[in-house]
Amino acid sequence: MPAKKLKAFLDENHIEYEVIKHSNAYTSQEIAALTHIAGKEFAKTVMIKIHDKMAMAVLPASYQVDFDALEDIFGKGKVKLATELEFKSRFPDCEVGAMPPFGNLYDMEVFVAETLAEDREITFNAGNHTELIRMDYVDFEQLVQPAIFRFSWKAVAMPNDPSERWEDDY
């Protein structure tokens, strides 16, 4: 079952959503592949700290956080990746690493990558490693009211080369 707090919030707001069940998976790319959802269509939540305050960076699974871009927005040395130890107690109803991108339910800001905001739907972890929620992006934006920025890079594999290179998404 999706995180109780999230499910109750969506139901109270009369939001239509779909729960997608899948076998146990932990990485966003693994989940996207398992569920046949394009990496650009699946939203991953990355926990960051800005000025020592916890926040969520939400971006497509096939992208990476561009910390230089975030520091251009918030100040040099003011943005860092949060550790599991720093954030896991903030999500008592979620499995670690499967937090839904609803920072408003957990008293934190949400920043969405511009590329994700262009999609009609958003699909994300439902608070555990076996379920996703798919809903209209406009409903997500209305409920969460995230700030939308350009702060991600797309990881692409080179032909005949298993290593990755980074490609600017803008």
C-alpha atoms as a PDB file:
ATOM      1  CA  MET A   1       0.000   0.000   0.000  1.00  0.00           C
ATOM      2  CA  PRO A   2       1.299   3.491  -0.789  1.00  0.00           C
ATOM      3  CA  ALA A   3       2.484   5.563   2.172  1.00  0.00           C
ATOM      4  CA  LYS A   4      -0.613   6.217   4.300  1.00  0.00           C
ATOM      5  CA  LYS A   5       0.024   9.943   4.552  1.00  0.00           C
ATOM      6  CA  LEU A   6       0.347  10.279   0.764  1.00  0.00           C
ATOM      7  CA  LYS A   7      -2.675   8.108  -0.035  1.00  0.00           C
ATOM      8  CA  ALA A   8      -4.846  10.005   2.458  1.00  0.00           C
ATOM      9  CA  PHE A   9      -3.677  13.354   1.055  1.00  0.00           C
ATOM     10  CA  LEU A  10      -4.462  12.369  -2.536  1.00  0.00           C
ATOM     11  CA  ASP A  11      -7.839  10.902  -1.581  1.00  0.00           C
ATOM     12  CA  GLU A  12      -8.794  13.953   0.540  1.00  0.00           C
ATOM     13  CA  ASN A  13      -8.015  16.192  -2.434  1.00  0.00           C
ATOM     14  CA  HIS A  14     -10.038  13.975  -4.820  1.00  0.00           C
ATOM     15  CA  ILE A  15      -7.022  13.354  -7.046  1.00  0.00           C
ATOM     16  CA  GLU A  16      -7.181  10.570  -9.589  1.00  0.00           C
ATOM     17  CA  TYR A  17      -4.096   8.355  -9.499  1.00  0.00           C
ATOM     18  CA  GLU A  18      -3.006   4.886 -10.454  1.00  0.00           C
ATOM     19  CA  VAL A  19      -0.993   2.526  -8.239  1.00  0.00           C
ATOM     20  CA  ILE A  20       1.478   0.448 -10.232  1.00  0.00           C
ATOM     21  CA  LYS A  21       2.871  -2.641  -8.514  1.00  0.00           C
ATOM     22  CA  HIS A  22       6.244  -4.087  -9.461  1.00  0.00           C
ATOM     23  CA  SER A  23       8.787  -6.543  -8.099  1.00  0.00           C
ATOM     24  CA  ASN A  24      11.246  -5.256  -5.522  1.00  0.00           C
ATOM     25  CA  ALA A  25      13.610  -2.664  -7.058  1.00  0.00           C
ATOM     26  CA  TYR A  26      15.741   0.088  -5.572  1.00  0.00           C
ATOM     27  CA  THR A  27      17.258   2.341  -8.232  1.00  0.00           C
ATOM     28  CA  SER A  28      15.156   4.680 -10.322  1.00  0.00           C
ATOM     29  CA  GLN A  29      16.582   3.336 -13.579  1.00  0.00           C
ATOM     30  CA  GLU A  30      15.901  -0.245 -12.452  1.00  0.00           C
ATOM     31  CA  ILE A  31      12.302   0.639 -11.562  1.00  0.00           C
ATOM     32  CA  ALA A  32      11.767   2.464 -14.863  1.00  0.00           C
ATOM     33  CA  ALA A  33      13.039  -0.557 -16.804  1.00  0.00           C
ATOM     34  CA  LEU A  34      10.994  -3.042 -14.755  1.00  0.00           C
ATOM     35  CA  THR A  35       7.780  -1.089 -15.245  1.00  0.00           C
ATOM     36  CA  HIS A  36       8.490  -0.141 -18.880  1.00  0.00           C
ATOM     37  CA  ILE A  37       8.379   3.553 -18.047  1.00  0.00           C
ATOM     38  CA  ALA A  38      10.874   5.740 -19.905  1.00  0.00           C
ATOM     39  CA  GLY A  39      13.613   7.109 -17.627  1.00  0.00           C
ATOM     40  CA  LYS A  40      12.538  10.638 -18.547  1.00  0.00           C
ATOM     41  CA  GLU A  41       8.963   9.866 -17.446  1.00  0.00           C
ATOM     42  CA  PHE A  42       9.807   8.420 -14.005  1.00  0.00           C
ATOM     43  CA  ALA A  43      10.491  10.971 -11.269  1.00  0.00           C
ATOM     44  CA  LYS A  44      13.159  10.266  -8.682  1.00  0.00           C
ATOM     45  CA  THR A  45      13.481  12.140  -5.425  1.00  0.00           C
ATOM     46  CA  VAL A  46      16.990  13.159  -4.371  1.00  0.00           C
ATOM     47  CA  MET A  47      17.381  14.527  -0.860  1.00  0.00           C
ATOM     48  CA  ILE A  48      19.522  17.647  -0.678  1.00  0.00           C
ATOM     49  CA  LYS A  49      20.393  20.241   1.925  1.00  0.00           C
ATOM     50  CA  ILE A  50      20.267  23.942   1.071  1.00  0.00           C
ATOM     51  CA  HIS A  51      21.695  26.252   3.723  1.00  0.00           C
ATOM     52  CA  ASP A  52      21.518  23.189   6.041  1.00  0.00           C
ATOM     53  CA  LYS A  53      17.757  22.848   5.458  1.00  0.00           C
ATOM     54  CA  MET A  54      16.428  19.571   4.018  1.00  0.00           C
ATOM     55  CA  ALA A  55      14.755  19.749   0.592  1.00  0.00           C
ATOM     56  CA  MET A  56      13.725  17.478  -2.277  1.00  0.00           C
ATOM     57  CA  ALA A  57      15.152  17.674  -5.771  1.00  0.00           C
ATOM     58  CA  VAL A  58      12.792  15.874  -8.150  1.00  0.00           C
ATOM     59  CA  LEU A  59      14.068  14.959 -11.602  1.00  0.00           C
ATOM     60  CA  PRO A  60      13.725  12.314 -14.305  1.00  0.00           C
ATOM     61  CA  ALA A  61      15.295   8.943 -13.460  1.00  0.00           C
ATOM     62  CA  SER A  62      17.662   9.180 -16.426  1.00  0.00           C
ATOM     63  CA  TYR A  63      19.054  12.524 -15.219  1.00  0.00           C
ATOM     64  CA  GLN A  64      21.493  13.553 -12.498  1.00  0.00           C
ATOM     65  CA  VAL A  65      21.434  16.580 -10.192  1.00  0.00           C
ATOM     66  CA  ASP A  66      23.661  19.399 -11.428  1.00  0.00           C
ATOM     67  CA  PHE A  67      24.946  20.755  -8.115  1.00  0.00           C
ATOM     68  CA  ASP A  68      26.767  23.607  -9.893  1.00  0.00           C
ATOM     69  CA  ALA A  69      23.416  24.814 -11.267  1.00  0.00           C
ATOM     70  CA  LEU A  70      21.842  24.597  -7.797  1.00  0.00           C
ATOM     71  CA  GLU A  71      24.757  26.533  -6.320  1.00  0.00           C
ATOM     72  CA  ASP A  72      24.274  29.211  -8.980  1.00  0.00           C
ATOM     73  CA  ILE A  73      20.708  29.537  -7.680  1.00  0.00           C
ATOM     74  CA  PHE A  74      21.285  29.197  -3.919  1.00  0.00           C
ATOM     75  CA  GLY A  75      24.932  30.186  -3.428  1.00  0.00           C
ATOM     76  CA  LYS A  76      28.317  28.489  -3.643  1.00  0.00           C
ATOM     77  CA  GLY A  77      28.908  25.922  -0.926  1.00  0.00           C
ATOM     78  CA  LYS A  78      25.271  26.158   0.219  1.00  0.00           C
ATOM     79  CA  VAL A  79      23.949  22.997  -1.483  1.00  0.00           C
ATOM     80  CA  LYS A  80      24.918  19.408  -0.748  1.00  0.00           C
ATOM     81  CA  LEU A  81      23.593  15.892  -1.073  1.00  0.00           C
ATOM     82  CA  ALA A  82      21.901  14.772   2.152  1.00  0.00           C
ATOM     83  CA  THR A  83      22.968  11.512   3.748  1.00  0.00           C
ATOM     84  CA  GLU A  84      20.520   8.733   4.564  1.00  0.00           C
ATOM     85  CA  LEU A  85      21.220   9.294   8.251  1.00  0.00           C
ATOM     86  CA  GLU A  86      20.206  12.951   7.885  1.00  0.00           C
ATOM     87  CA  PHE A  87      16.822  12.310   6.253  1.00  0.00           C
ATOM     88  CA  LYS A  88      15.494   8.822   7.044  1.00  0.00           C
ATOM     89  CA  SER A  89      13.755   9.829  10.285  1.00  0.00           C
ATOM     90  CA  ARG A  90      11.783  12.512   8.383  1.00  0.00           C
ATOM     91  CA  PHE A  91       9.851   9.772   6.535  1.00  0.00           C
ATOM     92  CA  PRO A  92       8.524   7.361   9.189  1.00  0.00           C
ATOM     93  CA  ASP A  93       5.894   5.922   6.831  1.00  0.00           C
ATOM     94  CA  CYS A  94       8.297   5.341   3.909  1.00  0.00           C
ATOM     95  CA  GLU A  95      11.057   2.910   3.069  1.00  0.00           C
ATOM     96  CA  VAL A  96      14.423   4.649   2.741  1.00  0.00           C
ATOM     97  CA  GLY A  97      15.008   5.656  -0.857  1.00  0.00           C
ATOM     98  CA  ALA A  98      11.339   5.372  -1.847  1.00  0.00           C
ATOM     99  CA  MET A  99      10.075   8.739  -0.627  1.00  0.00           C
ATOM    100  CA  PRO A 100       7.378  10.298  -2.801  1.00  0.00           C
ATOM    101  CA  PRO A 101       8.094  13.844  -4.065  1.00  0.00           C
ATOM    102  CA  PHE A 102       5.581  15.448  -1.706  1.00  0.00           C
ATOM    103  CA  GLY A 103       7.806  17.577   0.511  1.00  0.00           C
ATOM    104  CA  ASN A 104       4.751  19.541   1.632  1.00  0.00           C
ATOM    105  CA  LEU A 105       3.703  16.440   3.606  1.00  0.00           C
ATOM    106  CA  TYR A 106       7.100  16.285   5.321  1.00  0.00           C
ATOM    107  CA  ASP A 107       7.684  20.008   5.949  1.00  0.00           C
ATOM    108  CA  MET A 108      10.276  20.637   3.233  1.00  0.00           C
ATOM    109  CA  GLU A 109      10.591  22.478  -0.051  1.00  0.00           C
ATOM    110  CA  VAL A 110      10.398  20.687  -3.376  1.00  0.00           C
ATOM    111  CA  PHE A 111      12.416  21.665  -6.457  1.00  0.00           C
ATOM    112  CA  VAL A 112      11.416  20.096  -9.765  1.00  0.00           C
ATOM    113  CA  ALA A 113      13.702  19.879 -12.792  1.00  0.00           C
ATOM    114  CA  GLU A 114      12.291  21.833 -15.703  1.00  0.00           C
ATOM    115  CA  THR A 115      12.417  18.775 -17.988  1.00  0.00           C
ATOM    116  CA  LEU A 116      10.094  16.837 -15.678  1.00  0.00           C
ATOM    117  CA  ALA A 117       7.583  19.689 -15.527  1.00  0.00           C
ATOM    118  CA  GLU A 118       7.118  19.401 -19.304  1.00  0.00           C
ATOM    119  CA  ASP A 119       5.456  15.975 -18.991  1.00  0.00           C
ATOM    120  CA  ARG A 120       1.694  15.390 -18.908  1.00  0.00           C
ATOM    121  CA  GLU A 121       1.987  12.771 -16.147  1.00  0.00           C
ATOM    122  CA  ILE A 122       4.331  12.111 -13.272  1.00  0.00           C
ATOM    123  CA  THR A 123       5.153   8.636 -11.926  1.00  0.00           C
ATOM    124  CA  PHE A 124       7.061   8.190  -8.672  1.00  0.00           C
ATOM    125  CA  ASN A 125       7.758   5.859  -5.735  1.00  0.00           C
ATOM    126  CA  ALA A 126       4.735   5.477  -3.482  1.00  0.00           C
ATOM    127  CA  GLY A 127       6.755   5.206  -0.262  1.00  0.00           C
ATOM    128  CA  ASN A 128       7.992   1.661  -0.776  1.00  0.00           C
ATOM    129  CA  HIS A 129      10.127  -0.334  -3.204  1.00  0.00           C
ATOM    130  CA  THR A 130       7.256  -2.246  -4.845  1.00  0.00           C
ATOM    131  CA  GLU A 131       4.696   0.406  -5.801  1.00  0.00           C
ATOM    132  CA  LEU A 132       4.528   3.555  -7.895  1.00  0.00           C
ATOM    133  CA  ILE A 133       1.914   6.234  -8.258  1.00  0.00           C
ATOM    134  CA  ARG A 134       1.066   7.777 -11.628  1.00  0.00           C
ATOM    135  CA  MET A 135      -0.982  10.967 -11.746  1.00  0.00           C
ATOM    136  CA  ASP A 136      -1.419  14.084 -13.844  1.00  0.00           C
ATOM    137  CA  TYR A 137       1.495  16.476 -13.469  1.00  0.00           C
ATOM    138  CA  VAL A 138      -0.858  19.476 -13.151  1.00  0.00           C
ATOM    139  CA  ASP A 139      -2.454  17.850 -10.082  1.00  0.00           C
ATOM    140  CA  PHE A 140       0.979  17.190  -8.587  1.00  0.00           C
ATOM    141  CA  GLU A 141       2.030  20.797  -9.200  1.00  0.00           C
ATOM    142  CA  GLN A 142      -1.185  22.158  -7.715  1.00  0.00           C
ATOM    143  CA  LEU A 143      -0.813  20.067  -4.540  1.00  0.00           C
ATOM    144  CA  VAL A 144       2.946  20.415  -3.991  1.00  0.00           C
ATOM    145  CA  GLN A 145       3.590  23.867  -5.501  1.00  0.00           C
ATOM    146  CA  PRO A 146       7.233  23.091  -6.278  1.00  0.00           C
ATOM    147  CA  ALA A 147       9.790  25.604  -7.496  1.00  0.00           C
ATOM    148  CA  ILE A 148      10.805  24.687 -11.045  1.00  0.00           C
ATOM    149  CA  PHE A 149      14.426  25.166 -12.108  1.00  0.00           C
ATOM    150  CA  ARG A 150      16.934  23.897 -14.627  1.00  0.00           C
ATOM    151  CA  PHE A 151      19.258  21.776 -12.470  1.00  0.00           C
ATOM    152  CA  SER A 152      19.837  18.408 -14.099  1.00  0.00           C
ATOM    153  CA  TRP A 153      22.046  16.566 -16.555  1.00  0.00           C
ATOM    154  CA  LYS A 154      21.040  13.626 -18.684  1.00  0.00           C
ATOM    155  CA  ALA A 155      23.221  10.530 -18.503  1.00  0.00           C
ATOM    156  CA  VAL A 156      23.601   8.941 -21.930  1.00  0.00           C
ATOM    157  CA  ALA A 157      25.520   5.852 -22.925  1.00  0.00           C
ATOM    158  CA  MET A 158      27.912   6.177 -25.835  1.00  0.00           C
ATOM    159  CA  PRO A 159      27.528   3.655 -28.684  1.00  0.00           C
ATOM    160  CA  ASN A 160      29.799   0.637 -28.093  1.00  0.00           C
ATOM    161  CA  ASP A 161      30.956   2.179 -24.817  1.00  0.00           C
ATOM    162  CA  PRO A 162      29.355   1.103 -21.537  1.00  0.00           C
ATOM    163  CA  SER A 163      30.721   4.140 -19.727  1.00  0.00           C
ATOM    164  CA  GLU A 164      28.508   7.186 -19.404  1.00  0.00           C
ATOM    165  CA  ARG A 165      29.023  10.770 -20.368  1.00  0.00           C
ATOM    166  CA  TRP A 166      26.982  13.750 -19.254  1.00  0.00           C
ATOM    167  CA  GLU A 167      24.857  15.696 -21.675  1.00  0.00           C
ATOM    168  CA  ASP A 168      23.451  19.098 -20.808  1.00  0.00           C
ATOM    169  CA  ASP A 169      19.632  18.996 -20.817  1.00  0.00           C
ATOM    170  CA  TYR A 170      19.280  22.617 -21.883  1.00  0.00           C
END
